[in-house]
C-alpha atoms as a PDB file:
ATOM      1  CA  MET A   1     -59.018  42.148   6.744  1.00  0.00           C
ATOM      2  CA  ALA A   2     -58.493  38.434   7.259  1.00  0.00           C
ATOM      3  CA  THR A   3     -58.247  37.048  10.727  1.00  0.00           C
ATOM      4  CA  GLU A   4     -55.732  34.530  11.959  1.00  0.00           C
ATOM      5  CA  ASP A   5     -58.354  31.794  11.831  1.00  0.00           C
ATOM      6  CA  GLN A   6     -59.001  32.465   8.138  1.00  0.00           C
ATOM      7  CA  ALA A   7     -55.255  32.212   7.313  1.00  0.00           C
ATOM      8  CA  LYS A   8     -54.941  28.846   9.057  1.00  0.00           C
ATOM      9  CA  SER A   9     -58.111  27.492   7.471  1.00  0.00           C
ATOM     10  CA  GLY A  10     -56.482  27.129   4.035  1.00  0.00           C
ATOM     11  CA  ASP A  11     -56.658  30.601   2.517  1.00  0.00           C
ATOM     12  CA  GLY A  12     -55.049  30.757  -0.969  1.00  0.00           C
ATOM     13  CA  ASP A  13     -52.381  33.308   0.073  1.00  0.00           C
ATOM     14  CA  VAL A  14     -50.839  30.949   2.592  1.00  0.00           C
ATOM     15  CA  THR A  15     -50.612  28.124   0.033  1.00  0.00           C
ATOM     16  CA  ARG A  16     -49.025  30.418  -2.554  1.00  0.00           C
ATOM     17  CA  ARG A  17     -46.542  31.710   0.012  1.00  0.00           C
ATOM     18  CA  ASP A  18     -45.576  28.173   1.038  1.00  0.00           C
ATOM     19  CA  PHE A  19     -45.071  27.246  -2.608  1.00  0.00           C
ATOM     20  CA  LEU A  20     -42.830  30.278  -3.161  1.00  0.00           C
ATOM     21  CA  TYR A  21     -40.704  29.383  -0.115  1.00  0.00           C
ATOM     22  CA  VAL A  22     -40.265  25.786  -1.286  1.00  0.00           C
ATOM     23  CA  ALA A  23     -39.559  26.831  -4.884  1.00  0.00           C
ATOM     24  CA  THR A  24     -37.033  29.457  -3.788  1.00  0.00           C
ATOM     25  CA  GLY A  25     -35.268  26.993  -1.476  1.00  0.00           C
ATOM     26  CA  THR A  26     -35.151  24.336  -4.196  1.00  0.00           C
ATOM     27  CA  LEU A  27     -33.787  26.786  -6.751  1.00  0.00           C
ATOM     28  CA  ALA A  28     -31.143  27.963  -4.267  1.00  0.00           C
ATOM     29  CA  ALA A  29     -30.091  24.355  -3.526  1.00  0.00           C
ATOM     30  CA  VAL A  30     -29.845  23.463  -7.225  1.00  0.00           C
ATOM     31  CA  GLY A  31     -27.896  26.660  -7.934  1.00  0.00           C
ATOM     32  CA  THR A  32     -25.478  25.986  -5.092  1.00  0.00           C
ATOM     33  CA  ALA A  33     -24.918  22.404  -6.256  1.00  0.00           C
ATOM     34  CA  ALA A  34     -24.387  23.560  -9.849  1.00  0.00           C
ATOM     35  CA  ALA A  35     -21.831  26.145  -8.701  1.00  0.00           C
ATOM     36  CA  ALA A  36     -20.048  23.706  -6.363  1.00  0.00           C
ATOM     37  CA  TRP A  37     -19.793  20.800  -8.823  1.00  0.00           C
ATOM     38  CA  PRO A  38     -16.904  22.224 -10.927  1.00  0.00           C
ATOM     39  CA  LEU A  39     -14.965  22.957  -7.741  1.00  0.00           C
ATOM     40  CA  ILE A  40     -15.446  19.414  -6.471  1.00  0.00           C
ATOM     41  CA  ASP A  41     -14.839  17.787  -9.860  1.00  0.00           C
ATOM     42  CA  GLN A  42     -11.507  19.555 -10.363  1.00  0.00           C
ATOM     43  CA  MET A  43     -10.146  17.617  -7.365  1.00  0.00           C
ATOM     44  CA  ASN A  44     -10.356  14.320  -9.295  1.00  0.00           C
ATOM     45  CA  PRO A  45      -7.106  13.080 -10.853  1.00  0.00           C
ATOM     46  CA  SER A  46      -6.549  14.166 -14.433  1.00  0.00           C
ATOM     47  CA  ALA A  47      -6.475  11.727 -17.353  1.00  0.00           C
ATOM     48  CA  ASP A  48      -2.669  11.763 -17.607  1.00  0.00           C
ATOM     49  CA  VAL A  49      -2.343  10.887 -13.906  1.00  0.00           C
ATOM     50  CA  LEU A  50      -4.838   8.040 -14.243  1.00  0.00           C
ATOM     51  CA  ALA A  51      -2.947   6.747 -17.279  1.00  0.00           C
ATOM     52  CA  MET A  52       0.279   6.613 -15.244  1.00  0.00           C
ATOM     53  CA  SER A  53      -1.304   4.852 -12.276  1.00  0.00           C
ATOM     54  CA  SER A  54      -0.619   1.424 -13.742  1.00  0.00           C
ATOM     55  CA  THR A  55       1.375  -0.101 -16.563  1.00  0.00           C
ATOM     56  CA  GLU A  56       1.452  -3.519 -18.175  1.00  0.00           C
ATOM     57  CA  VAL A  57       4.708  -5.207 -19.111  1.00  0.00           C
ATOM     58  CA  ASP A  58       5.082  -8.001 -21.675  1.00  0.00           C
ATOM     59  CA  LEU A  59       7.418 -10.520 -20.041  1.00  0.00           C
ATOM     60  CA  SER A  60       7.769 -12.770 -23.086  1.00  0.00           C
ATOM     61  CA  ALA A  61      10.423 -10.480 -24.610  1.00  0.00           C
ATOM     62  CA  ILE A  62      12.679 -10.594 -21.530  1.00  0.00           C
ATOM     63  CA  ALA A  63      15.280 -13.360 -21.725  1.00  0.00           C
ATOM     64  CA  VAL A  64      16.634 -15.161 -18.645  1.00  0.00           C
ATOM     65  CA  GLY A  65      19.328 -12.989 -17.074  1.00  0.00           C
ATOM     66  CA  GLN A  66      18.033  -9.821 -18.718  1.00  0.00           C
ATOM     67  CA  SER A  67      16.561  -6.695 -17.105  1.00  0.00           C
ATOM     68  CA  VAL A  68      14.301  -4.051 -18.589  1.00  0.00           C
ATOM     69  CA  THR A  69      13.373  -0.671 -17.193  1.00  0.00           C
ATOM     70  CA  VAL A  70       9.824   0.643 -17.551  1.00  0.00           C
ATOM     71  CA  MET A  71       8.369   3.907 -16.313  1.00  0.00           C
ATOM     72  CA  TRP A  72       5.584   3.852 -13.725  1.00  0.00           C
ATOM     73  CA  ARG A  73       4.300   6.995 -11.982  1.00  0.00           C
ATOM     74  CA  GLY A  74       7.349   8.856 -13.284  1.00  0.00           C
ATOM     75  CA  LYS A  75       9.794   6.403 -11.687  1.00  0.00           C
ATOM     76  CA  PRO A  76      11.930   3.699 -13.274  1.00  0.00           C
ATOM     77  CA  VAL A  77      10.903   0.144 -12.432  1.00  0.00           C
ATOM     78  CA  PHE A  78      13.372  -2.699 -12.932  1.00  0.00           C
ATOM     79  CA  VAL A  79      11.898  -5.961 -14.213  1.00  0.00           C
ATOM     80  CA  ARG A  80      14.496  -8.734 -14.095  1.00  0.00           C
ATOM     81  CA  HIS A  81      14.160 -12.306 -15.321  1.00  0.00           C
ATOM     82  CA  ARG A  82      16.478 -13.925 -12.802  1.00  0.00           C
ATOM     83  CA  THR A  83      18.665 -16.900 -13.481  1.00  0.00           C
ATOM     84  CA  ALA A  84      18.594 -20.018 -11.299  1.00  0.00           C
ATOM     85  CA  LYS A  85      21.928 -18.934  -9.783  1.00  0.00           C
ATOM     86  CA  GLU A  86      20.549 -15.489  -8.855  1.00  0.00           C
ATOM     87  CA  ILE A  87      17.461 -17.055  -7.269  1.00  0.00           C
ATOM     88  CA  ALA A  88      19.623 -19.482  -5.264  1.00  0.00           C
ATOM     89  CA  GLU A  89      21.878 -16.617  -4.073  1.00  0.00           C
ATOM     90  CA  ALA A  90      18.882 -14.506  -3.052  1.00  0.00           C
ATOM     91  CA  GLU A  91      17.268 -17.360  -1.130  1.00  0.00           C
ATOM     92  CA  ALA A  92      20.526 -18.438   0.554  1.00  0.00           C
ATOM     93  CA  THR A  93      21.395 -14.973   1.899  1.00  0.00           C
ATOM     94  CA  ASN A  94      21.438 -14.718   5.690  1.00  0.00           C
ATOM     95  CA  ILE A  95      18.976 -11.877   6.270  1.00  0.00           C
ATOM     96  CA  SER A  96      19.800 -11.484   9.978  1.00  0.00           C
ATOM     97  CA  ASP A  97      23.027  -9.683   8.984  1.00  0.00           C
ATOM     98  CA  MET A  98      21.192  -7.196   6.737  1.00  0.00           C
ATOM     99  CA  ARG A  99      20.333  -3.586   7.539  1.00  0.00           C
ATOM    100  CA  ASP A 100      16.759  -4.012   6.247  1.00  0.00           C
ATOM    101  CA  PRO A 101      16.077  -7.752   6.694  1.00  0.00           C
ATOM    102  CA  GLN A 102      13.559  -9.078   4.215  1.00  0.00           C
ATOM    103  CA  ALA A 103      13.362 -12.610   2.820  1.00  0.00           C
ATOM    104  CA  ASP A 104      13.471 -13.055  -0.945  1.00  0.00           C
ATOM    105  CA  LYS A 105      10.115 -14.855  -0.886  1.00  0.00           C
ATOM    106  CA  ASP A 106       8.561 -11.688   0.639  1.00  0.00           C
ATOM    107  CA  ARG A 107       9.890  -9.557  -2.243  1.00  0.00           C
ATOM    108  CA  VAL A 108       8.784 -11.679  -5.209  1.00  0.00           C
ATOM    109  CA  GLN A 109       5.583 -13.437  -6.259  1.00  0.00           C
ATOM    110  CA  LYS A 110       7.342 -15.744  -8.703  1.00  0.00           C
ATOM    111  CA  PRO A 111      11.029 -16.461  -7.947  1.00  0.00           C
ATOM    112  CA  GLU A 112      12.143 -15.963 -11.548  1.00  0.00           C
ATOM    113  CA  TRP A 113      10.721 -12.407 -11.743  1.00  0.00           C
ATOM    114  CA  LEU A 114      12.116  -9.549  -9.646  1.00  0.00           C
ATOM    115  CA  ILE A 115      10.121  -6.309  -9.954  1.00  0.00           C
ATOM    116  CA  MET A 116      11.239  -3.242  -7.987  1.00  0.00           C
ATOM    117  CA  VAL A 117      11.301   0.536  -8.151  1.00  0.00           C
ATOM    118  CA  GLY A 118      14.719   1.625  -9.441  1.00  0.00           C
ATOM    119  CA  VAL A 119      15.243   4.532  -7.056  1.00  0.00           C
ATOM    120  CA  CYS A 120      17.986   4.382  -4.428  1.00  0.00           C
ATOM    121  CA  THR A 121      16.592   4.744  -0.927  1.00  0.00           C
ATOM    122  CA  HIS A 122      19.457   7.028   0.102  1.00  0.00           C
ATOM    123  CA  LEU A 123      19.030  10.148  -2.057  1.00  0.00           C
ATOM    124  CA  GLY A 124      16.824   9.011  -4.939  1.00  0.00           C
ATOM    125  CA  CYS A 125      19.456   8.244  -7.570  1.00  0.00           C
ATOM    126  CA  VAL A 126      18.906   5.488 -10.144  1.00  0.00           C
ATOM    127  CA  PRO A 127      21.129   2.459  -9.436  1.00  0.00           C
ATOM    128  CA  LEU A 128      23.001   0.839 -12.299  1.00  0.00           C
ATOM    129  CA  GLY A 129      22.558  -2.855 -13.051  1.00  0.00           C
ATOM    130  CA  GLU A 130      25.678  -4.955 -12.892  1.00  0.00           C
ATOM    131  CA  ALA A 131      26.457  -8.419 -14.168  1.00  0.00           C
ATOM    132  CA  GLY A 132      24.886 -11.113 -12.037  1.00  0.00           C
ATOM    133  CA  GLY A 133      21.711  -9.237 -11.201  1.00  0.00           C
ATOM    134  CA  THR A 134      23.071  -6.834  -8.573  1.00  0.00           C
ATOM    135  CA  TRP A 135      22.715  -3.057  -8.543  1.00  0.00           C
ATOM    136  CA  PHE A 136      25.111  -0.260  -7.646  1.00  0.00           C
ATOM    137  CA  CYS A 137      24.207   3.376  -6.951  1.00  0.00           C
ATOM    138  CA  PRO A 138      27.048   5.508  -8.325  1.00  0.00           C
ATOM    139  CA  CYS A 139      26.131   8.608  -6.278  1.00  0.00           C
ATOM    140  CA  HIS A 140      27.214   7.327  -2.866  1.00  0.00           C
ATOM    141  CA  GLY A 141      28.151   3.679  -3.367  1.00  0.00           C
ATOM    142  CA  SER A 142      25.134   1.698  -2.188  1.00  0.00           C
ATOM    143  CA  HIS A 143      25.137  -1.939  -3.306  1.00  0.00           C
ATOM    144  CA  TYR A 144      21.983  -4.056  -3.699  1.00  0.00           C
ATOM    145  CA  ASP A 145      21.905  -7.856  -4.056  1.00  0.00           C
ATOM    146  CA  THR A 146      20.032 -10.114  -6.499  1.00  0.00           C
ATOM    147  CA  SER A 147      16.799  -9.419  -4.606  1.00  0.00           C
ATOM    148  CA  GLY A 148      17.237  -5.626  -4.430  1.00  0.00           C
ATOM    149  CA  ARG A 149      18.195  -5.687  -0.744  1.00  0.00           C
ATOM    150  CA  ILE A 150      20.786  -3.237   0.593  1.00  0.00           C
ATOM    151  CA  VAL A 151      24.132  -4.963   1.154  1.00  0.00           C
ATOM    152  CA  LYS A 152      26.471  -2.033   1.806  1.00  0.00           C
ATOM    153  CA  GLY A 153      26.568   1.716   1.499  1.00  0.00           C
ATOM    154  CA  PRO A 154      24.553   4.560   3.004  1.00  0.00           C
ATOM    155  CA  ALA A 155      21.096   3.515   1.768  1.00  0.00           C
ATOM    156  CA  PRO A 156      18.850   2.756   4.776  1.00  0.00           C
ATOM    157  CA  LYS A 157      16.337   0.451   3.075  1.00  0.00           C
ATOM    158  CA  ASN A 158      15.956  -2.118   0.318  1.00  0.00           C
ATOM    159  CA  LEU A 159      14.735  -1.040  -3.102  1.00  0.00           C
ATOM    160  CA  GLU A 160      10.952  -0.688  -2.979  1.00  0.00           C
ATOM    161  CA  VAL A 161       8.750  -3.420  -4.441  1.00  0.00           C
ATOM    162  CA  PRO A 162       5.654  -1.902  -6.079  1.00  0.00           C
ATOM    163  CA  GLN A 163       2.244  -3.537  -6.037  1.00  0.00           C
ATOM    164  CA  TYR A 164       1.912  -5.793  -9.056  1.00  0.00           C
ATOM    165  CA  VAL A 165      -0.152  -8.694 -10.291  1.00  0.00           C
ATOM    166  CA  PHE A 166       0.484 -11.312 -12.965  1.00  0.00           C
ATOM    167  CA  LEU A 167      -2.371 -11.100 -15.477  1.00  0.00           C
ATOM    168  CA  ASN A 168      -1.126 -14.280 -17.162  1.00  0.00           C
ATOM    169  CA  ASP A 169       2.206 -16.072 -17.698  1.00  0.00           C
ATOM    170  CA  THR A 170       3.533 -13.359 -20.022  1.00  0.00           C
ATOM    171  CA  THR A 171       2.020 -10.119 -18.684  1.00  0.00           C
ATOM    172  CA  VAL A 172       2.377  -8.287 -15.393  1.00  0.00           C
ATOM    173  CA  LYS A 173       0.421  -5.214 -14.316  1.00  0.00           C
ATOM    174  CA  ILE A 174       2.343  -2.815 -12.087  1.00  0.00           C
ATOM    175  CA  GLY A 175       0.280  -0.497  -9.911  1.00  0.00           C
END
């Protein structure tokens, strides 16, 4: 029978036992990580969600005074090439009288391009574009000006401006 002194002195059984403990612990850790990875990975956004996270719009096809609607994250986004008259009206508006005061220069990066989410801030309807670059929500009568700011009606806020960046003079990336 081996004494305690023999076990501490480097007997082969103690080394084998230590190896088995380390190997078992390592195998358990690798097994746990392998089992947990699919659960963690499924929390990442799917490919269709990533594809909708941004969209590029070709601005060269949009004439002055024209609006186009593109889809971004399942919502309509209005892209309007504003006329000089619309820009002047938007800049001349007295924002102190507005429900949600916001200067036109804070809503646009380039004055000739107005980009905003086309969802009414009252109940989520899609406003209709009218002549002259204004919008009207037919559900409850909210009116928005040439900068997408609420002028009258029940809507509490201006139309939302999404994050966007001009990639060049003819392309904008929304999102």
